[in-house]
Amino acid sequence: MVSDETRKIWNEKYRDIEEAVSIGKIELNEWEDAFIDSISIDLACEKDISMRQSICLNKIWERAI
């Protein structure tokens, strides 16, 4: 089971990525854009993401910070 702290971190990373995209700090490729859209739905529904999805989220987030 995933902790509330982990869910909070996922949401913060998602928001960081969205902000970086909106100000032009990073540009997402087609796959990354679809992935982030998918993750946003899961997070909004309070669903857990998989370990693999978390790793991909982290890789994109590292470019955004």
PDB file of N, CA and C in Angstrom:
ATOM      1  N   MET A   1       0.845  -1.182   0.000  1.00  0.00           N
ATOM      2  CA  MET A   1       0.000   0.000   0.000  1.00  0.00           C
ATOM      3  C   MET A   1       0.891   1.247   0.000  1.00  0.00           C
ATOM      4  N   VAL A   2       0.444   2.248  -0.706  1.00  0.00           N
ATOM      5  CA  VAL A   2       1.196   3.492  -0.854  1.00  0.00           C
ATOM      6  C   VAL A   2       0.778   4.464   0.244  1.00  0.00           C
ATOM      7  N   SER A   3       1.755   5.144   0.800  1.00  0.00           N
ATOM      8  CA  SER A   3       1.468   6.086   1.887  1.00  0.00           C
ATOM      9  C   SER A   3       0.889   7.393   1.339  1.00  0.00           C
ATOM     10  N   ASP A   4       0.237   8.126   2.218  1.00  0.00           N
ATOM     11  CA  ASP A   4      -0.286   9.443   1.849  1.00  0.00           C
ATOM     12  C   ASP A   4       0.852  10.382   1.466  1.00  0.00           C
ATOM     13  N   GLU A   5       2.001  10.227   2.114  1.00  0.00           N
ATOM     14  CA  GLU A   5       3.170  11.056   1.809  1.00  0.00           C
ATOM     15  C   GLU A   5       3.634  10.825   0.370  1.00  0.00           C
ATOM     16  N   THR A   6       3.631   9.570  -0.066  1.00  0.00           N
ATOM     17  CA  THR A   6       4.030   9.258  -1.436  1.00  0.00           C
ATOM     18  C   THR A   6       3.051   9.871  -2.428  1.00  0.00           C
ATOM     19  N   ARG A   7       1.760   9.770  -2.134  1.00  0.00           N
ATOM     20  CA  ARG A   7       0.749  10.383  -3.010  1.00  0.00           C
ATOM     21  C   ARG A   7       0.942  11.894  -3.079  1.00  0.00           C
ATOM     22  N   LYS A   8       1.275  12.498  -1.948  1.00  0.00           N
ATOM     23  CA  LYS A   8       1.524  13.943  -1.908  1.00  0.00           C
ATOM     24  C   LYS A   8       2.712  14.303  -2.797  1.00  0.00           C
ATOM     25  N   ILE A   9       3.763  13.515  -2.736  1.00  0.00           N
ATOM     26  CA  ILE A   9       4.956  13.751  -3.559  1.00  0.00           C
ATOM     27  C   ILE A   9       4.611  13.621  -5.036  1.00  0.00           C
ATOM     28  N   TRP A  10       3.843  12.599  -5.393  1.00  0.00           N
ATOM     29  CA  TRP A  10       3.437  12.439  -6.797  1.00  0.00           C
ATOM     30  C   TRP A  10       2.691  13.674  -7.279  1.00  0.00           C
ATOM     31  N   ASN A  11       1.764  14.155  -6.468  1.00  0.00           N
ATOM     32  CA  ASN A  11       0.988  15.340  -6.850  1.00  0.00           C
ATOM     33  C   ASN A  11       1.868  16.575  -6.989  1.00  0.00           C
ATOM     34  N   GLU A  12       2.816  16.737  -6.082  1.00  0.00           N
ATOM     35  CA  GLU A  12       3.730  17.879  -6.162  1.00  0.00           C
ATOM     36  C   GLU A  12       4.583  17.804  -7.428  1.00  0.00           C
ATOM     37  N   LYS A  13       5.066  16.617  -7.757  1.00  0.00           N
ATOM     38  CA  LYS A  13       5.876  16.460  -8.966  1.00  0.00           C
ATOM     39  C   LYS A  13       5.038  16.722 -10.210  1.00  0.00           C
ATOM     40  N   TYR A  14       3.805  16.240 -10.212  1.00  0.00           N
ATOM     41  CA  TYR A  14       2.910  16.507 -11.337  1.00  0.00           C
ATOM     42  C   TYR A  14       2.717  18.014 -11.508  1.00  0.00           C
ATOM     43  N   ARG A  15       2.454  18.723 -10.411  1.00  0.00           N
ATOM     44  CA  ARG A  15       2.251  20.180 -10.490  1.00  0.00           C
ATOM     45  C   ARG A  15       3.517  20.897 -10.948  1.00  0.00           C
ATOM     46  N   ASP A  16       4.669  20.442 -10.484  1.00  0.00           N
ATOM     47  CA  ASP A  16       5.938  21.030 -10.927  1.00  0.00           C
ATOM     48  C   ASP A  16       6.118  20.877 -12.435  1.00  0.00           C
ATOM     49  N   ILE A  17       5.789  19.707 -12.942  1.00  0.00           N
ATOM     50  CA  ILE A  17       5.912  19.450 -14.379  1.00  0.00           C
ATOM     51  C   ILE A  17       4.953  20.339 -15.151  1.00  0.00           C
ATOM     52  N   GLU A  18       3.712  20.403 -14.714  1.00  0.00           N
ATOM     53  CA  GLU A  18       2.718  21.236 -15.396  1.00  0.00           C
ATOM     54  C   GLU A  18       3.152  22.700 -15.410  1.00  0.00           C
ATOM     55  N   GLU A  19       3.696  23.169 -14.315  1.00  0.00           N
ATOM     56  CA  GLU A  19       4.166  24.552 -14.248  1.00  0.00           C
ATOM     57  C   GLU A  19       5.341  24.771 -15.204  1.00  0.00           C
ATOM     58  N   ALA A  20       6.288  23.836 -15.214  1.00  0.00           N
ATOM     59  CA  ALA A  20       7.458  23.955 -16.095  1.00  0.00           C
ATOM     60  C   ALA A  20       7.033  23.974 -17.558  1.00  0.00           C
ATOM     61  N   VAL A  21       6.040  23.177 -17.906  1.00  0.00           N
ATOM     62  CA  VAL A  21       5.538  23.163 -19.281  1.00  0.00           C
ATOM     63  C   VAL A  21       4.869  24.496 -19.596  1.00  0.00           C
ATOM     64  N   SER A  22       4.062  24.985 -18.663  1.00  0.00           N
ATOM     65  CA  SER A  22       3.307  26.216 -18.929  1.00  0.00           C
ATOM     66  C   SER A  22       4.206  27.440 -19.102  1.00  0.00           C
ATOM     67  N   ILE A  23       5.370  27.448 -18.448  1.00  0.00           N
ATOM     68  CA  ILE A  23       6.271  28.598 -18.595  1.00  0.00           C
ATOM     69  C   ILE A  23       7.359  28.350 -19.640  1.00  0.00           C
ATOM     70  N   GLY A  24       7.297  27.197 -20.287  1.00  0.00           N
ATOM     71  CA  GLY A  24       8.244  26.900 -21.359  1.00  0.00           C
ATOM     72  C   GLY A  24       9.600  26.422 -20.890  1.00  0.00           C
ATOM     73  N   LYS A  25       9.684  26.002 -19.644  1.00  0.00           N
ATOM     74  CA  LYS A  25      10.963  25.521 -19.124  1.00  0.00           C
ATOM     75  C   LYS A  25      11.335  24.170 -19.741  1.00  0.00           C
ATOM     76  N   ILE A  26      10.335  23.325 -19.962  1.00  0.00           N
ATOM     77  CA  ILE A  26      10.562  22.047 -20.637  1.00  0.00           C
ATOM     78  C   ILE A  26       9.480  21.849 -21.684  1.00  0.00           C
ATOM     79  N   GLU A  27       9.787  21.016 -22.634  1.00  0.00           N
ATOM     80  CA  GLU A  27       8.810  20.638 -23.653  1.00  0.00           C
ATOM     81  C   GLU A  27       8.690  19.119 -23.609  1.00  0.00           C
ATOM     82  N   LEU A  28       7.453  18.653 -23.552  1.00  0.00           N
ATOM     83  CA  LEU A  28       7.215  17.222 -23.507  1.00  0.00           C
ATOM     84  C   LEU A  28       7.025  16.681 -24.914  1.00  0.00           C
ATOM     85  N   ASN A  29       7.565  15.486 -25.144  1.00  0.00           N
ATOM     86  CA  ASN A  29       7.280  14.846 -26.425  1.00  0.00           C
ATOM     87  C   ASN A  29       5.866  14.261 -26.373  1.00  0.00           C
ATOM     88  N   GLU A  30       5.411  13.710 -27.470  1.00  0.00           N
ATOM     89  CA  GLU A  30       4.033  13.220 -27.567  1.00  0.00           C
ATOM     90  C   GLU A  30       3.745  12.153 -26.506  1.00  0.00           C
ATOM     91  N   TRP A  31       4.678  11.225 -26.331  1.00  0.00           N
ATOM     92  CA  TRP A  31       4.473  10.160 -25.347  1.00  0.00           C
ATOM     93  C   TRP A  31       4.413  10.726 -23.935  1.00  0.00           C
ATOM     94  N   GLU A  32       5.339  11.628 -23.601  1.00  0.00           N
ATOM     95  CA  GLU A  32       5.368  12.224 -22.264  1.00  0.00           C
ATOM     96  C   GLU A  32       4.088  13.018 -21.990  1.00  0.00           C
ATOM     97  N   ASP A  33       3.610  13.730 -22.987  1.00  0.00           N
ATOM     98  CA  ASP A  33       2.387  14.514 -22.839  1.00  0.00           C
ATOM     99  C   ASP A  33       1.204  13.594 -22.530  1.00  0.00           C
ATOM    100  N   ALA A  34       1.085  12.505 -23.276  1.00  0.00           N
ATOM    101  CA  ALA A  34       0.004  11.537 -23.037  1.00  0.00           C
ATOM    102  C   ALA A  34       0.162  10.887 -21.666  1.00  0.00           C
ATOM    103  N   PHE A  35       1.394  10.585 -21.296  1.00  0.00           N
ATOM    104  CA  PHE A  35       1.663   9.979 -19.996  1.00  0.00           C
ATOM    105  C   PHE A  35       1.236  10.909 -18.867  1.00  0.00           C
ATOM    106  N   ILE A  36       1.621  12.169 -18.953  1.00  0.00           N
ATOM    107  CA  ILE A  36       1.267  13.140 -17.915  1.00  0.00           C
ATOM    108  C   ILE A  36      -0.252  13.316 -17.841  1.00  0.00           C
ATOM    109  N   ASP A  37      -0.919  13.339 -18.986  1.00  0.00           N
ATOM    110  CA  ASP A  37      -2.388  13.414 -18.982  1.00  0.00           C
ATOM    111  C   ASP A  37      -2.987  12.210 -18.264  1.00  0.00           C
ATOM    112  N   SER A  38      -2.447  11.040 -18.534  1.00  0.00           N
ATOM    113  CA  SER A  38      -2.928   9.812 -17.905  1.00  0.00           C
ATOM    114  C   SER A  38      -2.706   9.843 -16.389  1.00  0.00           C
ATOM    115  N   ILE A  39      -1.520  10.267 -15.993  1.00  0.00           N
ATOM    116  CA  ILE A  39      -1.193  10.348 -14.568  1.00  0.00           C
ATOM    117  C   ILE A  39      -2.108  11.345 -13.866  1.00  0.00           C
ATOM    118  N   SER A  40      -2.417  12.446 -14.535  1.00  0.00           N
ATOM    119  CA  SER A  40      -3.267  13.465 -13.912  1.00  0.00           C
ATOM    120  C   SER A  40      -4.647  12.899 -13.581  1.00  0.00           C
ATOM    121  N   ILE A  41      -5.157  12.043 -14.445  1.00  0.00           N
ATOM    122  CA  ILE A  41      -6.458  11.414 -14.197  1.00  0.00           C
ATOM    123  C   ILE A  41      -6.371  10.483 -12.993  1.00  0.00           C
ATOM    124  N   ASP A  42      -5.330   9.661 -12.954  1.00  0.00           N
ATOM    125  CA  ASP A  42      -5.148   8.747 -11.819  1.00  0.00           C
ATOM    126  C   ASP A  42      -5.031   9.525 -10.513  1.00  0.00           C
ATOM    127  N   LEU A  43      -4.217  10.567 -10.507  1.00  0.00           N
ATOM    128  CA  LEU A  43      -4.016  11.340  -9.285  1.00  0.00           C
ATOM    129  C   LEU A  43      -5.295  12.056  -8.860  1.00  0.00           C
ATOM    130  N   ALA A  44      -6.045  12.577  -9.824  1.00  0.00           N
ATOM    131  CA  ALA A  44      -7.295  13.265  -9.505  1.00  0.00           C
ATOM    132  C   ALA A  44      -8.317  12.300  -8.894  1.00  0.00           C
ATOM    133  N   CYS A  45      -8.266  11.048  -9.320  1.00  0.00           N
ATOM    134  CA  CYS A  45      -9.175  10.019  -8.791  1.00  0.00           C
ATOM    135  C   CYS A  45      -8.605   9.333  -7.555  1.00  0.00           C
ATOM    136  N   GLU A  46      -7.466   9.839  -7.082  1.00  0.00           N
ATOM    137  CA  GLU A  46      -6.774   9.292  -5.915  1.00  0.00           C
ATOM    138  C   GLU A  46      -6.403   7.818  -6.095  1.00  0.00           C
ATOM    139  N   LYS A  47      -6.054   7.459  -7.333  1.00  0.00           N
ATOM    140  CA  LYS A  47      -5.568   6.111  -7.620  1.00  0.00           C
ATOM    141  C   LYS A  47      -4.055   6.098  -7.490  1.00  0.00           C
ATOM    142  N   ASP A  48      -3.539   4.961  -7.084  1.00  0.00           N
ATOM    143  CA  ASP A  48      -2.088   4.811  -7.009  1.00  0.00           C
ATOM    144  C   ASP A  48      -1.531   4.554  -8.401  1.00  0.00           C
ATOM    145  N   ILE A  49      -0.329   5.039  -8.625  1.00  0.00           N
ATOM    146  CA  ILE A  49       0.351   4.738  -9.880  1.00  0.00           C
ATOM    147  C   ILE A  49       1.364   3.621  -9.610  1.00  0.00           C
ATOM    148  N   SER A  50       1.756   2.948 -10.655  1.00  0.00           N
ATOM    149  CA  SER A  50       2.681   1.827 -10.510  1.00  0.00           C
ATOM    150  C   SER A  50       4.104   2.327 -10.268  1.00  0.00           C
ATOM    151  N   MET A  51       4.957   1.406  -9.882  1.00  0.00           N
ATOM    152  CA  MET A  51       6.370   1.749  -9.682  1.00  0.00           C
ATOM    153  C   MET A  51       6.971   2.267 -10.983  1.00  0.00           C
ATOM    154  N   ARG A  52       6.642   1.617 -12.080  1.00  0.00           N
ATOM    155  CA  ARG A  52       7.164   2.043 -13.386  1.00  0.00           C
ATOM    156  C   ARG A  52       6.685   3.451 -13.743  1.00  0.00           C
ATOM    157  N   GLN A  53       5.412   3.728 -13.478  1.00  0.00           N
ATOM    158  CA  GLN A  53       4.883   5.069 -13.735  1.00  0.00           C
ATOM    159  C   GLN A  53       5.566   6.098 -12.839  1.00  0.00           C
ATOM    160  N   SER A  54       5.813   5.719 -11.600  1.00  0.00           N
ATOM    161  CA  SER A  54       6.490   6.620 -10.675  1.00  0.00           C
ATOM    162  C   SER A  54       7.902   6.946 -11.161  1.00  0.00           C
ATOM    163  N   ILE A  55       8.595   5.952 -11.687  1.00  0.00           N
ATOM    164  CA  ILE A  55       9.942   6.161 -12.222  1.00  0.00           C
ATOM    165  C   ILE A  55       9.894   7.116 -13.414  1.00  0.00           C
ATOM    166  N   CYS A  56       8.928   6.920 -14.313  1.00  0.00           N
ATOM    167  CA  CYS A  56       8.785   7.811 -15.475  1.00  0.00           C
ATOM    168  C   CYS A  56       8.440   9.229 -15.027  1.00  0.00           C
ATOM    169  N   LEU A  57       7.561   9.344 -14.048  1.00  0.00           N
ATOM    170  CA  LEU A  57       7.206  10.654 -13.514  1.00  0.00           C
ATOM    171  C   LEU A  57       8.446  11.349 -12.967  1.00  0.00           C
ATOM    172  N   ASN A  58       9.267  10.607 -12.236  1.00  0.00           N
ATOM    173  CA  ASN A  58      10.491  11.174 -11.677  1.00  0.00           C
ATOM    174  C   ASN A  58      11.456  11.643 -12.761  1.00  0.00           C
ATOM    175  N   LYS A  59      11.585  10.874 -13.830  1.00  0.00           N
ATOM    176  CA  LYS A  59      12.503  11.250 -14.913  1.00  0.00           C
ATOM    177  C   LYS A  59      12.063  12.554 -15.571  1.00  0.00           C
ATOM    178  N   ILE A  60      10.784  12.687 -15.793  1.00  0.00           N
ATOM    179  CA  ILE A  60      10.281  13.927 -16.395  1.00  0.00           C
ATOM    180  C   ILE A  60      10.422  15.076 -15.397  1.00  0.00           C
ATOM    181  N   TRP A  61      10.106  14.821 -14.135  1.00  0.00           N
ATOM    182  CA  TRP A  61      10.215  15.850 -13.102  1.00  0.00           C
ATOM    183  C   TRP A  61      11.631  16.371 -12.949  1.00  0.00           C
ATOM    184  N   GLU A  62      12.617  15.478 -13.053  1.00  0.00           N
ATOM    185  CA  GLU A  62      14.017  15.915 -12.939  1.00  0.00           C
ATOM    186  C   GLU A  62      14.382  16.943 -14.006  1.00  0.00           C
ATOM    187  N   ARG A  63      13.791  16.839 -15.181  1.00  0.00           N
ATOM    188  CA  ARG A  63      14.017  17.842 -16.221  1.00  0.00           C
ATOM    189  C   ARG A  63      13.297  19.144 -15.915  1.00  0.00           C
ATOM    190  N   ALA A  64      12.221  19.054 -15.144  1.00  0.00           N
ATOM    191  CA  ALA A  64      11.376  20.211 -14.895  1.00  0.00           C
ATOM    192  C   ALA A  64      11.888  21.092 -13.764  1.00  0.00           C
ATOM    193  N   ILE A  65      12.722  20.536 -12.898  1.00  0.00           N
ATOM    194  CA  ILE A  65      13.150  21.328 -11.738  1.00  0.00           C
ATOM    195  C   ILE A  65      14.415  22.112 -12.034  1.00  0.00           C
TER     196      ILE A  65
END
